[in-house]
Amino acid sequence: MNNEQYRNLMWHLRYVESLLENVADATIVERNFECPVCKSKLRVFLPFGENPRPNAQCPNCQSLERHRALWLLMQNLNWHKENMRVLHFAPEEIFYRLFSSFKDIDYWTADLEPQNYHGMVRKQVDITDITFDDNFFDLIMCTHVLEHIPDDRKAMSELYRVLKPGGLAFLNVPIFNIPQTFEDPRINTPELRSEYYGQFDHVRAYGQDYPQRLQEAGFEVQLFTVNDEKILKRYGLDRNEKIFLCRKG
């Protein structure tokens, strides 16, 4: 058995375990779960990841915990208006489909390496040198991006510049349980980055001071988490997921 076959076997085993964990009576499978993104009623969320997380991925739209938490929050915000401009860096396919379905917004997807996004990127853009005018966008989506950017403070400054006064930006990153963000130029190989930053292509581990870094760029920052056990279970959310809603005053 090669590595790929082993991973597939483990994935299917975790899928069966997830079903059994969430079925009270083996003869009756109830749809106790719901995906807020695609509105599916589900028997179970699927495991996902190299070390599979249970109840992580929607089997219908493939949304993960962080996608569902963010979309739930957005549904409770007055974010959508006609003729708004949306900037979306490193577009996740799940959100690309959602925003593309709105025909009354000007939706700009962007990345420095558009070839990695299978036609989903509208314009090649360096996040540290954004080629749009000041105060141009009503909404910015930039989730799990800044941990990949060497000069993240310049990127934050550029995101602030192109956001309209009163505009919203979702700038989520993985947060480690450390007081201060950790980055060291000597940690410069995929192996070291995986060990210290949690992923081979991350360039820092953000700590509890992350909101302060955003504030230094000019943003007003609100932190959202979900603690309600019923909501966590119903929508397959991670209680440790943090959503950073940023505003330009």
Protein backbone atom coordinates (compact mmCIF):
# COMPACT_ATOMS: atom_id res chain seq x y z
CA MET A 1 0.00 0.00 0.00
CA ASN A 2 1.48 3.34 -1.04
CA ASN A 3 1.10 6.66 0.84
CA GLU A 4 -1.81 7.85 -1.31
CA GLN A 5 -3.74 4.62 -0.80
CA TYR A 6 -3.08 4.81 2.93
CA ARG A 7 -4.37 8.42 3.10
CA ASN A 8 -7.52 7.43 1.19
CA LEU A 9 -8.10 4.48 3.52
CA MET A 10 -7.68 6.67 6.61
CA TRP A 11 -10.04 9.28 5.15
CA HIS A 12 -12.76 6.66 4.63
CA LEU A 13 -12.22 5.22 8.09
CA ARG A 14 -12.64 8.67 9.65
CA TYR A 15 -15.77 9.17 7.56
CA VAL A 16 -17.28 5.97 8.97
CA GLU A 17 -16.23 7.00 12.49
CA SER A 18 -17.88 10.38 12.02
CA LEU A 19 -21.12 8.72 10.97
CA LEU A 20 -21.07 6.42 13.98
CA GLU A 21 -20.21 9.25 16.37
CA ASN A 22 -23.22 11.24 15.25
CA VAL A 23 -25.86 8.53 14.94
CA ALA A 24 -27.83 7.83 18.10
CA ASP A 25 -29.59 4.81 16.59
CA ALA A 26 -27.68 2.85 13.95
CA THR A 27 -30.92 2.21 12.06
CA ILE A 28 -32.01 5.88 11.92
CA VAL A 29 -29.75 8.60 10.56
CA GLU A 30 -31.10 12.07 11.30
CA ARG A 31 -30.02 15.26 9.57
CA ASN A 32 -28.91 17.13 12.68
CA PHE A 33 -26.30 19.29 10.97
CA GLU A 34 -26.56 22.23 8.62
CA CYS A 35 -24.17 24.04 6.30
CA PRO A 36 -24.91 27.79 6.36
CA VAL A 37 -23.08 28.26 3.06
CA CYS A 38 -25.02 25.88 0.80
CA LYS A 39 -28.04 25.46 3.16
CA SER A 40 -27.73 21.67 3.09
CA LYS A 41 -29.23 19.58 5.89
CA LEU A 42 -26.64 16.92 6.69
CA ARG A 43 -26.24 13.67 8.55
CA VAL A 44 -22.59 14.48 9.23
CA PHE A 45 -19.70 16.71 8.24
CA LEU A 46 -16.71 14.86 6.79
CA PRO A 47 -13.19 14.64 8.25
CA PHE A 48 -10.57 16.81 6.57
CA GLY A 49 -6.83 17.47 6.74
CA GLU A 50 -3.53 15.62 6.79
CA ASN A 51 -4.35 14.60 10.36
CA PRO A 52 -8.10 14.45 9.74
CA ARG A 53 -10.28 16.75 11.83
CA PRO A 54 -13.73 15.25 12.44
CA ASN A 55 -16.82 17.20 11.35
CA ALA A 56 -14.77 19.59 9.23
CA GLN A 57 -15.90 19.57 5.59
CA CYS A 58 -19.35 19.93 4.08
CA PRO A 59 -19.87 16.98 1.70
CA ASN A 60 -21.98 19.15 -0.60
CA CYS A 61 -20.08 22.43 -1.08
CA GLN A 62 -16.73 21.48 0.55
CA SER A 63 -16.81 24.43 2.97
CA LEU A 64 -14.58 24.10 6.04
CA GLU A 65 -15.12 25.29 9.61
CA ARG A 66 -13.64 28.75 9.00
CA HIS A 67 -15.74 29.31 5.87
CA ARG A 68 -18.96 28.44 7.67
CA ALA A 69 -18.14 30.61 10.69
CA LEU A 70 -17.32 33.60 8.50
CA TRP A 71 -20.42 33.23 6.31
CA LEU A 72 -22.63 32.92 9.39
CA LEU A 73 -21.26 36.20 10.70
CA MET A 74 -21.66 37.92 7.34
CA GLN A 75 -25.33 36.95 7.23
CA ASN A 76 -25.80 38.99 10.40
CA LEU A 77 -24.05 42.05 9.00
CA ASN A 78 -25.40 44.58 6.54
CA TRP A 79 -22.53 43.93 4.13
CA HIS A 80 -24.35 43.70 0.78
CA LYS A 81 -25.46 46.73 -1.19
CA GLU A 82 -26.00 47.47 -4.86
CA ASN A 83 -23.03 48.50 -7.00
CA MET A 84 -20.53 47.79 -4.24
CA ARG A 85 -16.94 46.88 -5.06
CA VAL A 86 -15.45 43.76 -3.48
CA LEU A 87 -11.74 42.87 -3.43
CA HIS A 88 -10.97 39.22 -2.72
CA PHE A 89 -7.34 38.13 -2.34
CA ALA A 90 -6.40 34.48 -2.89
CA PRO A 91 -10.05 33.61 -3.56
CA GLU A 92 -11.34 30.45 -1.94
CA GLU A 93 -13.55 28.60 -4.40
CA ILE A 94 -16.45 28.43 -1.96
CA PHE A 95 -16.55 32.23 -1.55
CA TYR A 96 -15.79 32.78 -5.24
CA ARG A 97 -19.00 30.94 -6.11
CA LEU A 98 -20.98 32.91 -3.54
CA PHE A 99 -19.79 36.37 -4.57
CA SER A 100 -19.98 35.57 -8.28
CA SER A 101 -23.67 34.81 -7.81
CA PHE A 102 -24.34 38.46 -6.89
CA LYS A 103 -24.86 40.26 -10.20
CA ASP A 104 -25.12 43.72 -8.63
CA ILE A 105 -21.55 43.90 -7.24
CA ASP A 106 -18.22 44.63 -8.95
CA TYR A 107 -16.22 41.61 -7.81
CA TRP A 108 -12.42 41.74 -8.12
CA THR A 109 -10.47 38.58 -7.36
CA ALA A 110 -6.71 39.08 -7.05
CA ASP A 111 -3.48 37.25 -6.38
CA LEU A 112 0.21 37.53 -7.21
CA GLU A 113 0.14 34.06 -8.79
CA PRO A 114 -3.17 33.81 -10.70
CA GLN A 115 -2.12 30.56 -12.38
CA ASN A 116 -2.79 28.78 -9.10
CA TYR A 117 -6.51 29.62 -9.14
CA HIS A 118 -7.80 27.96 -12.32
CA GLY A 119 -9.31 31.07 -13.89
CA MET A 120 -10.81 32.49 -10.70
CA VAL A 121 -8.40 35.47 -10.48
CA ARG A 122 -9.53 38.58 -12.35
CA LYS A 123 -6.32 40.61 -11.89
CA GLN A 124 -2.73 39.87 -10.91
CA VAL A 125 -1.98 42.03 -7.86
CA ASP A 126 0.83 42.26 -5.32
CA ILE A 127 -0.84 42.72 -1.94
CA THR A 128 2.03 44.96 -0.82
CA ASP A 129 1.53 47.23 -3.86
CA ILE A 130 -2.18 47.17 -4.72
CA THR A 131 -2.86 48.76 -8.11
CA PHE A 132 -6.17 50.38 -7.25
CA ASP A 133 -7.03 53.92 -6.21
CA ASP A 134 -7.43 55.05 -2.61
CA ASN A 135 -10.85 54.44 -1.03
CA PHE A 136 -11.93 52.16 -3.87
CA PHE A 137 -13.51 49.06 -2.26
CA ASP A 138 -16.54 48.62 0.00
CA LEU A 139 -15.53 45.14 1.17
CA ILE A 140 -12.22 43.26 1.30
CA MET A 141 -11.91 39.51 1.79
CA CYS A 142 -8.38 38.46 2.72
CA THR A 143 -8.49 35.34 4.86
CA HIS A 144 -5.51 33.12 5.67
CA VAL A 145 -3.27 35.21 3.41
CA LEU A 146 -1.17 37.53 5.57
CA GLU A 147 0.68 34.66 7.25
CA HIS A 148 2.24 34.01 3.81
CA ILE A 149 3.38 37.61 3.20
CA PRO A 150 6.93 38.60 4.28
CA ASP A 151 6.05 42.31 4.64
CA ASP A 152 2.64 41.92 6.23
CA ARG A 153 2.63 45.45 7.66
CA LYS A 154 2.97 46.91 4.16
CA ALA A 155 0.13 44.65 3.02
CA MET A 156 -2.09 45.82 5.89
CA SER A 157 -1.31 49.44 5.01
CA GLU A 158 -2.25 48.84 1.37
CA LEU A 159 -5.49 47.08 2.31
CA TYR A 160 -6.39 50.03 4.52
CA ARG A 161 -5.58 52.51 1.74
CA VAL A 162 -7.87 50.95 -0.87
CA LEU A 163 -10.78 50.39 1.54
CA LYS A 164 -13.48 53.08 1.54
CA PRO A 165 -14.25 54.95 4.75
CA GLY A 166 -16.96 52.91 6.44
CA GLY A 167 -15.90 49.83 4.49
CA LEU A 168 -15.41 46.35 5.92
CA ALA A 169 -12.45 43.99 5.67
CA PHE A 170 -12.20 40.41 6.89
CA LEU A 171 -8.52 39.79 7.61
CA ASN A 172 -8.47 36.40 9.31
CA VAL A 173 -5.26 34.50 10.03
CA PRO A 174 -4.35 31.45 12.15
CA ILE A 175 -3.72 32.57 15.73
CA PHE A 176 -1.31 30.74 18.03
CA ASN A 177 -1.68 30.70 21.80
CA ILE A 178 1.31 33.00 22.29
CA PRO A 179 1.31 36.64 23.47
CA GLN A 180 3.51 38.03 20.69
CA THR A 181 3.74 37.22 16.99
CA PHE A 182 6.79 35.08 16.31
CA GLU A 183 8.90 35.45 13.16
CA ASP A 184 12.57 34.73 12.58
CA PRO A 185 14.41 35.04 9.24
CA ARG A 186 16.46 31.96 10.16
CA ILE A 187 13.28 29.88 9.88
CA ASN A 188 13.48 29.71 6.11
CA THR A 189 12.93 26.13 4.98
CA PRO A 190 9.65 24.25 4.51
CA GLU A 191 10.59 21.88 7.32
CA LEU A 192 11.38 24.66 9.81
CA ARG A 193 8.30 26.66 8.84
CA SER A 194 6.08 23.62 9.39
CA GLU A 195 7.70 23.05 12.79
CA TYR A 196 7.52 26.64 14.05
CA TYR A 197 4.70 28.24 12.04
CA GLY A 198 2.41 25.29 11.48
CA GLN A 199 2.66 25.13 7.68
CA PHE A 200 5.51 24.87 5.20
CA ASP A 201 4.71 28.15 3.42
CA HIS A 202 3.89 30.36 6.42
CA VAL A 203 6.41 33.03 7.35
CA ARG A 204 5.26 33.78 10.92
CA ALA A 205 3.08 32.57 13.76
CA TYR A 206 0.59 35.27 14.74
CA GLY A 207 0.00 35.73 18.45
CA GLN A 208 -2.50 37.59 20.60
CA ASP A 209 -1.03 40.91 19.42
CA TYR A 210 -2.46 40.45 15.91
CA PRO A 211 -5.31 42.99 16.43
CA GLN A 212 -2.71 45.56 17.50
CA ARG A 213 -0.83 45.10 14.22
CA LEU A 214 -4.07 45.78 12.34
CA GLN A 215 -4.80 48.84 14.46
CA GLU A 216 -1.34 50.22 13.75
CA ALA A 217 -2.27 50.11 10.06
CA GLY A 218 -5.33 52.27 10.87
CA PHE A 219 -8.10 49.69 11.18
CA GLU A 220 -10.78 49.53 13.83
CA VAL A 221 -10.89 45.86 14.82
CA GLN A 222 -13.63 43.63 16.24
CA LEU A 223 -12.94 40.04 17.24
CA PHE A 224 -15.70 37.44 16.89
CA THR A 225 -15.72 33.87 18.20
CA VAL A 226 -18.48 31.28 18.65
CA ASN A 227 -18.96 29.75 22.09
CA ASP A 228 -22.52 28.44 21.94
CA GLU A 229 -22.31 24.63 22.03
CA LYS A 230 -25.47 24.11 19.99
CA ILE A 231 -24.28 26.43 17.21
CA LEU A 232 -20.80 24.90 17.22
CA LYS A 233 -22.24 21.42 16.75
CA ARG A 234 -25.06 22.29 14.37
CA TYR A 235 -22.83 24.09 11.88
CA GLY A 236 -19.64 22.09 12.41
CA LEU A 237 -17.57 25.01 13.74
CA ASP A 238 -14.24 25.20 15.53
CA ARG A 239 -14.48 26.97 18.88
CA ASN A 240 -10.91 28.25 18.42
CA GLU A 241 -11.69 30.01 15.12
CA LYS A 242 -11.27 33.79 15.36
CA ILE A 243 -12.83 36.25 12.91
CA PHE A 244 -11.27 39.70 12.63
CA LEU A 245 -13.70 42.26 11.28
CA CYS A 246 -11.86 45.45 10.37
CA ARG A 247 -13.35 48.83 9.55
CA LYS A 248 -11.98 52.03 8.10
CA GLY A 249 -13.32 54.93 10.10
